[in-house]
């Protein structure tokens, strides 16, 4: 019996490793393709946060070293700042360079209209600021982030960054006005809530109506006193690169501009 349990557990762990390997390879495919197609010599580049952004920085570092491209990098979080520094890439900020050529970032979910959920890693405010200062926002993701509607695959909720003193009134107001459940995001390695790089709390809005007009909802949320920013990125992404399970890359431009293609 113990031997059978050991074998079953081993097989389960191997399957998990295989899935993770597949997802990481998909992220790498998307990141490398996006960097190669959108970053040119002389560009100022916004560097996103999260696991997929790591692959984008790796590719930027390769091109910086081997192709000698001249770039400047603006981070969207403490994590991406450390990635830029550790790879020896030129670091700059919005005070010195308030307009970027391109921002390359990941997403937690992307719907058919290229509306994004971002902020699973807690960096939504700085990510949206840098993206808004960029001539174009290029999203890189693996195939599990590709959905028809928000909430179809990503079940952790829509992040909303809030002032700590206002989290309870905002929670109540969202649930009353829009339905669903709003929870304060708790930290994993510390007691109490997650605190963002900006000193704020994060609320995660779950079980919402997936058929909402997200542009309208986003505007209403931002009008609530105490809401700093939302993880809804509406009409901001110009194009999304999805690394697929079969080794291809699905390129999805904004529906107002182009047509999907897989290559």
C-alpha atoms as a PDB file:
ATOM      1  CA  UNK A   1       0.000   0.000   0.000  1.00  0.00           C
ATOM      2  CA  UNK A   2       2.750   2.458   0.933  1.00  0.00           C
ATOM      3  CA  UNK A   3       4.599   1.595  -2.259  1.00  0.00           C
ATOM      4  CA  UNK A   4       1.462   2.274  -4.342  1.00  0.00           C
ATOM      5  CA  UNK A   5       0.959   5.615  -2.595  1.00  0.00           C
ATOM      6  CA  UNK A   6       4.597   6.492  -3.243  1.00  0.00           C
ATOM      7  CA  UNK A   7       4.259   5.650  -6.951  1.00  0.00           C
ATOM      8  CA  UNK A   8       0.998   7.608  -7.236  1.00  0.00           C
ATOM      9  CA  UNK A   9       2.530  10.628  -5.509  1.00  0.00           C
ATOM     10  CA  UNK A  10       5.604  10.459  -7.715  1.00  0.00           C
ATOM     11  CA  UNK A  11       3.501  10.339 -10.893  1.00  0.00           C
ATOM     12  CA  UNK A  12       1.451  13.306  -9.674  1.00  0.00           C
ATOM     13  CA  UNK A  13       4.594  15.345  -8.994  1.00  0.00           C
ATOM     14  CA  UNK A  14       5.993  14.458 -12.405  1.00  0.00           C
ATOM     15  CA  UNK A  15       2.776  15.598 -14.094  1.00  0.00           C
ATOM     16  CA  UNK A  16       2.951  18.919 -12.211  1.00  0.00           C
ATOM     17  CA  UNK A  17       6.580  19.374 -13.282  1.00  0.00           C
ATOM     18  CA  UNK A  18       5.638  18.587 -16.882  1.00  0.00           C
ATOM     19  CA  UNK A  19       2.803  21.155 -16.858  1.00  0.00           C
ATOM     20  CA  UNK A  20       5.037  23.820 -15.322  1.00  0.00           C
ATOM     21  CA  UNK A  21       7.723  23.102 -17.901  1.00  0.00           C
ATOM     22  CA  UNK A  22       5.157  23.445 -20.695  1.00  0.00           C
ATOM     23  CA  UNK A  23       3.866  26.762 -19.307  1.00  0.00           C
ATOM     24  CA  UNK A  24       7.363  28.171 -18.878  1.00  0.00           C
ATOM     25  CA  UNK A  25       8.276  27.206 -22.422  1.00  0.00           C
ATOM     26  CA  UNK A  26       5.086  28.880 -23.678  1.00  0.00           C
ATOM     27  CA  UNK A  27       5.915  32.046 -21.728  1.00  0.00           C
ATOM     28  CA  UNK A  28       9.434  32.052 -23.151  1.00  0.00           C
ATOM     29  CA  UNK A  29       8.174  31.646 -26.734  1.00  0.00           C
ATOM     30  CA  UNK A  30       5.787  34.584 -26.358  1.00  0.00           C
ATOM     31  CA  UNK A  31       8.337  36.804 -24.621  1.00  0.00           C
ATOM     32  CA  UNK A  32      11.148  36.205 -27.102  1.00  0.00           C
ATOM     33  CA  UNK A  33       8.880  36.752 -30.092  1.00  0.00           C
ATOM     34  CA  UNK A  34       7.482  40.002 -28.692  1.00  0.00           C
ATOM     35  CA  UNK A  35      10.891  41.406 -27.767  1.00  0.00           C
ATOM     36  CA  UNK A  36      12.316  40.565 -31.198  1.00  0.00           C
ATOM     37  CA  UNK A  37       9.405  42.162 -33.046  1.00  0.00           C
ATOM     38  CA  UNK A  38       8.810  45.287 -30.955  1.00  0.00           C
ATOM     39  CA  UNK A  39      12.095  46.416 -29.407  1.00  0.00           C
ATOM     40  CA  UNK A  40      14.383  48.387 -31.698  1.00  0.00           C
ATOM     41  CA  UNK A  41      17.738  50.078 -31.260  1.00  0.00           C
ATOM     42  CA  UNK A  42      17.322  53.316 -29.301  1.00  0.00           C
ATOM     43  CA  UNK A  43      14.019  52.328 -27.692  1.00  0.00           C
ATOM     44  CA  UNK A  44      12.894  53.186 -24.189  1.00  0.00           C
ATOM     45  CA  UNK A  45      11.229  50.018 -22.903  1.00  0.00           C
ATOM     46  CA  UNK A  46       8.810  49.502 -20.041  1.00  0.00           C
ATOM     47  CA  UNK A  47       9.560  46.262 -18.204  1.00  0.00           C
ATOM     48  CA  UNK A  48       6.567  44.433 -16.791  1.00  0.00           C
ATOM     49  CA  UNK A  49       6.339  42.351 -13.645  1.00  0.00           C
ATOM     50  CA  UNK A  50       5.696  38.687 -12.963  1.00  0.00           C
ATOM     51  CA  UNK A  51       6.965  35.333 -14.187  1.00  0.00           C
ATOM     52  CA  UNK A  52       6.513  36.000 -17.914  1.00  0.00           C
ATOM     53  CA  UNK A  53       8.371  39.318 -17.757  1.00  0.00           C
ATOM     54  CA  UNK A  54      11.465  37.423 -16.582  1.00  0.00           C
ATOM     55  CA  UNK A  55      11.749  35.817 -20.012  1.00  0.00           C
ATOM     56  CA  UNK A  56      11.368  39.201 -21.720  1.00  0.00           C
ATOM     57  CA  UNK A  57      14.239  40.619 -19.673  1.00  0.00           C
ATOM     58  CA  UNK A  58      16.363  37.569 -20.473  1.00  0.00           C
ATOM     59  CA  UNK A  59      15.844  38.163 -24.189  1.00  0.00           C
ATOM     60  CA  UNK A  60      16.496  41.901 -23.870  1.00  0.00           C
ATOM     61  CA  UNK A  61      19.753  41.130 -22.074  1.00  0.00           C
ATOM     62  CA  UNK A  62      20.796  38.735 -24.852  1.00  0.00           C
ATOM     63  CA  UNK A  63      20.136  41.333 -27.534  1.00  0.00           C
ATOM     64  CA  UNK A  64      21.794  44.077 -25.482  1.00  0.00           C
ATOM     65  CA  UNK A  65      24.924  41.956 -25.164  1.00  0.00           C
ATOM     66  CA  UNK A  66      25.143  40.258 -28.566  1.00  0.00           C
ATOM     67  CA  UNK A  67      23.459  42.774 -30.893  1.00  0.00           C
ATOM     68  CA  UNK A  68      24.690  45.844 -29.012  1.00  0.00           C
ATOM     69  CA  UNK A  69      21.275  47.506 -29.183  1.00  0.00           C
ATOM     70  CA  UNK A  70      20.978  50.753 -27.241  1.00  0.00           C
ATOM     71  CA  UNK A  71      17.959  50.634 -24.941  1.00  0.00           C
ATOM     72  CA  UNK A  72      16.775  52.192 -21.699  1.00  0.00           C
ATOM     73  CA  UNK A  73      14.504  50.300 -19.291  1.00  0.00           C
ATOM     74  CA  UNK A  74      11.794  51.595 -16.967  1.00  0.00           C
ATOM     75  CA  UNK A  75      10.534  49.144 -14.310  1.00  0.00           C
ATOM     76  CA  UNK A  76       6.942  48.612 -13.200  1.00  0.00           C
ATOM     77  CA  UNK A  77       7.781  47.213  -9.762  1.00  0.00           C
ATOM     78  CA  UNK A  78      10.556  46.460  -7.301  1.00  0.00           C
ATOM     79  CA  UNK A  79      10.832  43.002  -8.899  1.00  0.00           C
ATOM     80  CA  UNK A  80      11.342  44.295 -12.436  1.00  0.00           C
ATOM     81  CA  UNK A  81      13.780  46.940 -11.201  1.00  0.00           C
ATOM     82  CA  UNK A  82      15.903  44.169  -9.674  1.00  0.00           C
ATOM     83  CA  UNK A  83      15.695  42.167 -12.913  1.00  0.00           C
ATOM     84  CA  UNK A  84      16.952  45.147 -14.914  1.00  0.00           C
ATOM     85  CA  UNK A  85      19.820  45.755 -12.501  1.00  0.00           C
ATOM     86  CA  UNK A  86      20.850  42.094 -12.257  1.00  0.00           C
ATOM     87  CA  UNK A  87      21.047  41.804 -16.057  1.00  0.00           C
ATOM     88  CA  UNK A  88      23.127  44.952 -16.371  1.00  0.00           C
ATOM     89  CA  UNK A  89      20.554  46.780 -18.483  1.00  0.00           C
ATOM     90  CA  UNK A  90      20.389  50.601 -18.484  1.00  0.00           C
ATOM     91  CA  UNK A  91      17.887  51.745 -15.846  1.00  0.00           C
ATOM     92  CA  UNK A  92      15.905  54.973 -16.067  1.00  0.00           C
ATOM     93  CA  UNK A  93      12.656  56.365 -14.634  1.00  0.00           C
ATOM     94  CA  UNK A  94       9.617  58.361 -15.763  1.00  0.00           C
ATOM     95  CA  UNK A  95      10.967  61.576 -14.274  1.00  0.00           C
ATOM     96  CA  UNK A  96      13.818  61.498 -16.788  1.00  0.00           C
ATOM     97  CA  UNK A  97      11.954  59.762 -19.619  1.00  0.00           C
ATOM     98  CA  UNK A  98       8.171  60.319 -19.385  1.00  0.00           C
ATOM     99  CA  UNK A  99       7.412  58.786 -22.803  1.00  0.00           C
ATOM    100  CA  UNK A 100       8.256  55.188 -23.751  1.00  0.00           C
ATOM    101  CA  UNK A 101       8.399  53.486 -27.125  1.00  0.00           C
ATOM    102  CA  UNK A 102       6.958  50.210 -25.887  1.00  0.00           C
ATOM    103  CA  UNK A 103       5.959  48.447 -22.680  1.00  0.00           C
ATOM    104  CA  UNK A 104       6.166  44.640 -22.552  1.00  0.00           C
ATOM    105  CA  UNK A 105       4.195  43.050 -19.735  1.00  0.00           C
ATOM    106  CA  UNK A 106       2.256  39.928 -18.781  1.00  0.00           C
ATOM    107  CA  UNK A 107      -1.393  39.463 -17.824  1.00  0.00           C
ATOM    108  CA  UNK A 108      -3.433  37.202 -15.588  1.00  0.00           C
ATOM    109  CA  UNK A 109      -6.196  36.911 -18.173  1.00  0.00           C
ATOM    110  CA  UNK A 110      -7.067  38.345 -21.596  1.00  0.00           C
ATOM    111  CA  UNK A 111     -10.594  38.340 -23.017  1.00  0.00           C
ATOM    112  CA  UNK A 112     -11.693  38.421 -26.667  1.00  0.00           C
ATOM    113  CA  UNK A 113     -11.645  42.249 -26.683  1.00  0.00           C
ATOM    114  CA  UNK A 114      -8.115  42.330 -25.228  1.00  0.00           C
ATOM    115  CA  UNK A 115      -9.423  43.595 -21.904  1.00  0.00           C
ATOM    116  CA  UNK A 116      -6.883  42.467 -19.324  1.00  0.00           C
ATOM    117  CA  UNK A 117      -6.881  41.427 -15.701  1.00  0.00           C
ATOM    118  CA  UNK A 118      -3.560  42.413 -14.170  1.00  0.00           C
ATOM    119  CA  UNK A 119      -2.352  42.725 -10.608  1.00  0.00           C
ATOM    120  CA  UNK A 120      -2.117  39.115  -9.481  1.00  0.00           C
ATOM    121  CA  UNK A 121       1.395  39.979  -8.335  1.00  0.00           C
ATOM    122  CA  UNK A 122       0.269  43.231  -6.734  1.00  0.00           C
ATOM    123  CA  UNK A 123       1.974  45.615  -9.186  1.00  0.00           C
ATOM    124  CA  UNK A 124      -1.082  46.968 -11.014  1.00  0.00           C
ATOM    125  CA  UNK A 125      -0.642  50.674 -10.207  1.00  0.00           C
ATOM    126  CA  UNK A 126       2.902  51.060 -11.482  1.00  0.00           C
ATOM    127  CA  UNK A 127       2.155  48.714 -14.378  1.00  0.00           C
ATOM    128  CA  UNK A 128      -0.743  50.880 -15.516  1.00  0.00           C
ATOM    129  CA  UNK A 129       1.220  54.100 -15.095  1.00  0.00           C
ATOM    130  CA  UNK A 130       4.115  52.847 -17.229  1.00  0.00           C
ATOM    131  CA  UNK A 131       1.758  51.338 -19.817  1.00  0.00           C
ATOM    132  CA  UNK A 132      -0.140  54.630 -20.099  1.00  0.00           C
ATOM    133  CA  UNK A 133       3.128  56.430 -20.854  1.00  0.00           C
ATOM    134  CA  UNK A 134       4.030  54.004 -23.644  1.00  0.00           C
ATOM    135  CA  UNK A 135       3.280  54.370 -27.332  1.00  0.00           C
ATOM    136  CA  UNK A 136       2.162  50.743 -27.300  1.00  0.00           C
ATOM    137  CA  UNK A 137       1.518  48.025 -24.730  1.00  0.00           C
ATOM    138  CA  UNK A 138       2.554  44.540 -25.819  1.00  0.00           C
ATOM    139  CA  UNK A 139       1.257  41.669 -23.692  1.00  0.00           C
ATOM    140  CA  UNK A 140       3.003  38.303 -23.391  1.00  0.00           C
ATOM    141  CA  UNK A 141       1.307  35.261 -21.862  1.00  0.00           C
ATOM    142  CA  UNK A 142       0.936  31.505 -21.999  1.00  0.00           C
ATOM    143  CA  UNK A 143      -2.076  29.730 -23.483  1.00  0.00           C
ATOM    144  CA  UNK A 144      -3.916  29.445 -20.140  1.00  0.00           C
ATOM    145  CA  UNK A 145      -4.481  33.220 -20.083  1.00  0.00           C
ATOM    146  CA  UNK A 146      -6.478  33.279 -23.339  1.00  0.00           C
ATOM    147  CA  UNK A 147     -10.223  33.564 -22.577  1.00  0.00           C
ATOM    148  CA  UNK A 148     -13.424  34.670 -24.251  1.00  0.00           C
ATOM    149  CA  UNK A 149     -14.664  36.418 -21.090  1.00  0.00           C
ATOM    150  CA  UNK A 150     -12.942  37.613 -17.931  1.00  0.00           C
ATOM    151  CA  UNK A 151     -13.188  35.080 -15.146  1.00  0.00           C
ATOM    152  CA  UNK A 152     -13.396  32.146 -17.510  1.00  0.00           C
ATOM    153  CA  UNK A 153     -10.008  30.803 -16.443  1.00  0.00           C
ATOM    154  CA  UNK A 154      -8.609  33.227 -13.871  1.00  0.00           C
ATOM    155  CA  UNK A 155     -10.570  32.632 -10.653  1.00  0.00           C
ATOM    156  CA  UNK A 156      -8.617  34.756  -8.180  1.00  0.00           C
ATOM    157  CA  UNK A 157     -10.596  37.885  -8.955  1.00  0.00           C
ATOM    158  CA  UNK A 158     -10.041  41.395 -10.291  1.00  0.00           C
ATOM    159  CA  UNK A 159      -7.454  43.215  -8.146  1.00  0.00           C
ATOM    160  CA  UNK A 160      -8.285  46.682  -6.893  1.00  0.00           C
ATOM    161  CA  UNK A 161      -5.598  48.711  -5.123  1.00  0.00           C
ATOM    162  CA  UNK A 162      -7.060  50.803  -2.306  1.00  0.00           C
ATOM    163  CA  UNK A 163      -6.058  53.148   0.479  1.00  0.00           C
ATOM    164  CA  UNK A 164      -5.815  51.046   3.684  1.00  0.00           C
ATOM    165  CA  UNK A 165      -8.268  53.224   5.612  1.00  0.00           C
ATOM    166  CA  UNK A 166     -10.957  52.781   2.941  1.00  0.00           C
ATOM    167  CA  UNK A 167     -10.867  49.053   2.236  1.00  0.00           C
ATOM    168  CA  UNK A 168     -14.022  48.164   4.174  1.00  0.00           C
ATOM    169  CA  UNK A 169     -16.279  50.908   2.696  1.00  0.00           C
ATOM    170  CA  UNK A 170     -14.984  50.100  -0.798  1.00  0.00           C
ATOM    171  CA  UNK A 171     -15.556  46.377  -0.313  1.00  0.00           C
ATOM    172  CA  UNK A 172     -19.156  47.026   0.775  1.00  0.00           C
ATOM    173  CA  UNK A 173     -19.808  49.470  -2.056  1.00  0.00           C
ATOM    174  CA  UNK A 174     -18.535  47.133  -4.780  1.00  0.00           C
ATOM    175  CA  UNK A 175     -20.593  44.208  -3.481  1.00  0.00           C
ATOM    176  CA  UNK A 176     -23.695  46.413  -3.202  1.00  0.00           C
ATOM    177  CA  UNK A 177     -23.324  48.076  -6.621  1.00  0.00           C
ATOM    178  CA  UNK A 178     -21.949  45.213  -8.720  1.00  0.00           C
ATOM    179  CA  UNK A 179     -22.508  41.972  -6.817  1.00  0.00           C
ATOM    180  CA  UNK A 180     -19.966  39.231  -6.292  1.00  0.00           C
ATOM    181  CA  UNK A 181     -17.590  38.877  -3.372  1.00  0.00           C
ATOM    182  CA  UNK A 182     -14.721  41.205  -2.448  1.00  0.00           C
ATOM    183  CA  UNK A 183     -11.928  39.948  -0.201  1.00  0.00           C
ATOM    184  CA  UNK A 184      -8.866  41.615   1.272  1.00  0.00           C
ATOM    185  CA  UNK A 185      -5.751  39.918  -0.093  1.00  0.00           C
ATOM    186  CA  UNK A 186      -3.807  38.294   2.725  1.00  0.00           C
ATOM    187  CA  UNK A 187      -0.026  37.970   2.700  1.00  0.00           C
ATOM    188  CA  UNK A 188       1.614  34.538   2.573  1.00  0.00           C
ATOM    189  CA  UNK A 189       4.916  35.031   4.390  1.00  0.00           C
ATOM    190  CA  UNK A 190       3.713  37.667   6.878  1.00  0.00           C
ATOM    191  CA  UNK A 191       0.752  38.151   9.155  1.00  0.00           C
ATOM    192  CA  UNK A 192      -1.907  40.497   7.814  1.00  0.00           C
ATOM    193  CA  UNK A 193      -2.708  41.854   4.366  1.00  0.00           C
ATOM    194  CA  UNK A 194      -0.550  42.266   1.296  1.00  0.00           C
ATOM    195  CA  UNK A 195       0.979  45.747   1.153  1.00  0.00           C
ATOM    196  CA  UNK A 196       1.876  46.984  -2.335  1.00  0.00           C
ATOM    197  CA  UNK A 197       5.067  48.777  -3.386  1.00  0.00           C
ATOM    198  CA  UNK A 198       3.014  51.967  -2.917  1.00  0.00           C
ATOM    199  CA  UNK A 199       1.894  51.188   0.648  1.00  0.00           C
ATOM    200  CA  UNK A 200      -1.678  50.259  -0.254  1.00  0.00           C
ATOM    201  CA  UNK A 201      -3.952  47.223   0.232  1.00  0.00           C
ATOM    202  CA  UNK A 202      -5.408  45.026  -2.509  1.00  0.00           C
ATOM    203  CA  UNK A 203      -9.004  43.858  -2.734  1.00  0.00           C
ATOM    204  CA  UNK A 204      -9.826  40.915  -5.016  1.00  0.00           C
ATOM    205  CA  UNK A 205     -13.292  41.064  -6.573  1.00  0.00           C
ATOM    206  CA  UNK A 206     -14.607  37.565  -7.323  1.00  0.00           C
ATOM    207  CA  UNK A 207     -17.797  35.971  -8.675  1.00  0.00           C
ATOM    208  CA  UNK A 208     -18.632  39.036 -10.766  1.00  0.00           C
ATOM    209  CA  UNK A 209     -20.871  39.138 -13.840  1.00  0.00           C
ATOM    210  CA  UNK A 210     -18.600  38.257 -16.802  1.00  0.00           C
ATOM    211  CA  UNK A 211     -20.866  40.161 -19.219  1.00  0.00           C
ATOM    212  CA  UNK A 212     -20.275  43.583 -17.692  1.00  0.00           C
ATOM    213  CA  UNK A 213     -19.258  46.548 -19.826  1.00  0.00           C
ATOM    214  CA  UNK A 214     -15.752  46.662 -18.349  1.00  0.00           C
ATOM    215  CA  UNK A 215     -14.952  50.154 -19.572  1.00  0.00           C
ATOM    216  CA  UNK A 216     -17.974  51.529 -17.701  1.00  0.00           C
ATOM    217  CA  UNK A 217     -17.315  49.418 -14.598  1.00  0.00           C
ATOM    218  CA  UNK A 218     -13.682  50.503 -14.497  1.00  0.00           C
ATOM    219  CA  UNK A 219     -14.663  54.171 -14.601  1.00  0.00           C
ATOM    220  CA  UNK A 220     -17.217  53.684 -11.812  1.00  0.00           C
ATOM    221  CA  UNK A 221     -14.688  51.896  -9.621  1.00  0.00           C
ATOM    222  CA  UNK A 222     -12.126  54.661 -10.096  1.00  0.00           C
ATOM    223  CA  UNK A 223     -14.664  57.252  -8.939  1.00  0.00           C
ATOM    224  CA  UNK A 224     -14.974  55.598  -5.524  1.00  0.00           C
ATOM    225  CA  UNK A 225     -12.967  57.596  -2.969  1.00  0.00           C
ATOM    226  CA  UNK A 226     -10.087  55.463  -1.764  1.00  0.00           C
ATOM    227  CA  UNK A 227      -9.712  53.407  -4.925  1.00  0.00           C
ATOM    228  CA  UNK A 228      -6.168  54.033  -6.151  1.00  0.00           C
ATOM    229  CA  UNK A 229      -6.272  51.896  -9.294  1.00  0.00           C
ATOM    230  CA  UNK A 230      -7.914  48.780 -10.733  1.00  0.00           C
ATOM    231  CA  UNK A 231      -6.474  45.697 -12.395  1.00  0.00           C
ATOM    232  CA  UNK A 232      -8.776  46.206 -15.376  1.00  0.00           C
ATOM    233  CA  UNK A 233      -6.766  47.296 -18.405  1.00  0.00           C
ATOM    234  CA  UNK A 234      -9.398  48.320 -20.964  1.00  0.00           C
ATOM    235  CA  UNK A 235      -8.388  49.276 -24.522  1.00  0.00           C
ATOM    236  CA  UNK A 236      -4.742  49.543 -23.500  1.00  0.00           C
ATOM    237  CA  UNK A 237      -3.111  46.484 -25.097  1.00  0.00           C
ATOM    238  CA  UNK A 238      -2.245  46.878 -28.759  1.00  0.00           C
ATOM    239  CA  UNK A 239      -1.315  43.243 -29.277  1.00  0.00           C
ATOM    240  CA  UNK A 240      -1.001  40.007 -27.286  1.00  0.00           C
ATOM    241  CA  UNK A 241       1.449  37.153 -27.840  1.00  0.00           C
ATOM    242  CA  UNK A 242       0.245  33.800 -26.499  1.00  0.00           C
ATOM    243  CA  UNK A 243       2.776  30.986 -26.289  1.00  0.00           C
ATOM    244  CA  UNK A 244       0.827  27.870 -27.201  1.00  0.00           C
ATOM    245  CA  UNK A 245       1.071  24.297 -25.942  1.00  0.00           C
ATOM    246  CA  UNK A 246       2.155  23.012 -29.372  1.00  0.00           C
ATOM    247  CA  UNK A 247       5.137  25.367 -29.581  1.00  0.00           C
ATOM    248  CA  UNK A 248       3.496  27.985 -31.805  1.00  0.00           C
ATOM    249  CA  UNK A 249       2.772  31.610 -30.924  1.00  0.00           C
ATOM    250  CA  UNK A 250      -0.739  33.018 -31.301  1.00  0.00           C
ATOM    251  CA  UNK A 251      -0.651  36.721 -32.089  1.00  0.00           C
ATOM    252  CA  UNK A 252      -3.836  38.609 -31.251  1.00  0.00           C
ATOM    253  CA  UNK A 253      -3.928  42.310 -32.145  1.00  0.00           C
ATOM    254  CA  UNK A 254      -6.621  44.565 -30.730  1.00  0.00           C
ATOM    255  CA  UNK A 255      -9.929  43.823 -32.525  1.00  0.00           C
ATOM    256  CA  UNK A 256     -10.194  47.436 -33.686  1.00  0.00           C
ATOM    257  CA  UNK A 257      -6.964  47.102 -35.624  1.00  0.00           C
ATOM    258  CA  UNK A 258      -6.168  43.649 -36.990  1.00  0.00           C
ATOM    259  CA  UNK A 259      -7.123  39.983 -37.272  1.00  0.00           C
ATOM    260  CA  UNK A 260      -5.864  37.053 -35.156  1.00  0.00           C
ATOM    261  CA  UNK A 261      -3.196  34.808 -36.583  1.00  0.00           C
ATOM    262  CA  UNK A 262      -1.194  31.811 -35.419  1.00  0.00           C
ATOM    263  CA  UNK A 263       2.345  31.297 -36.642  1.00  0.00           C
END
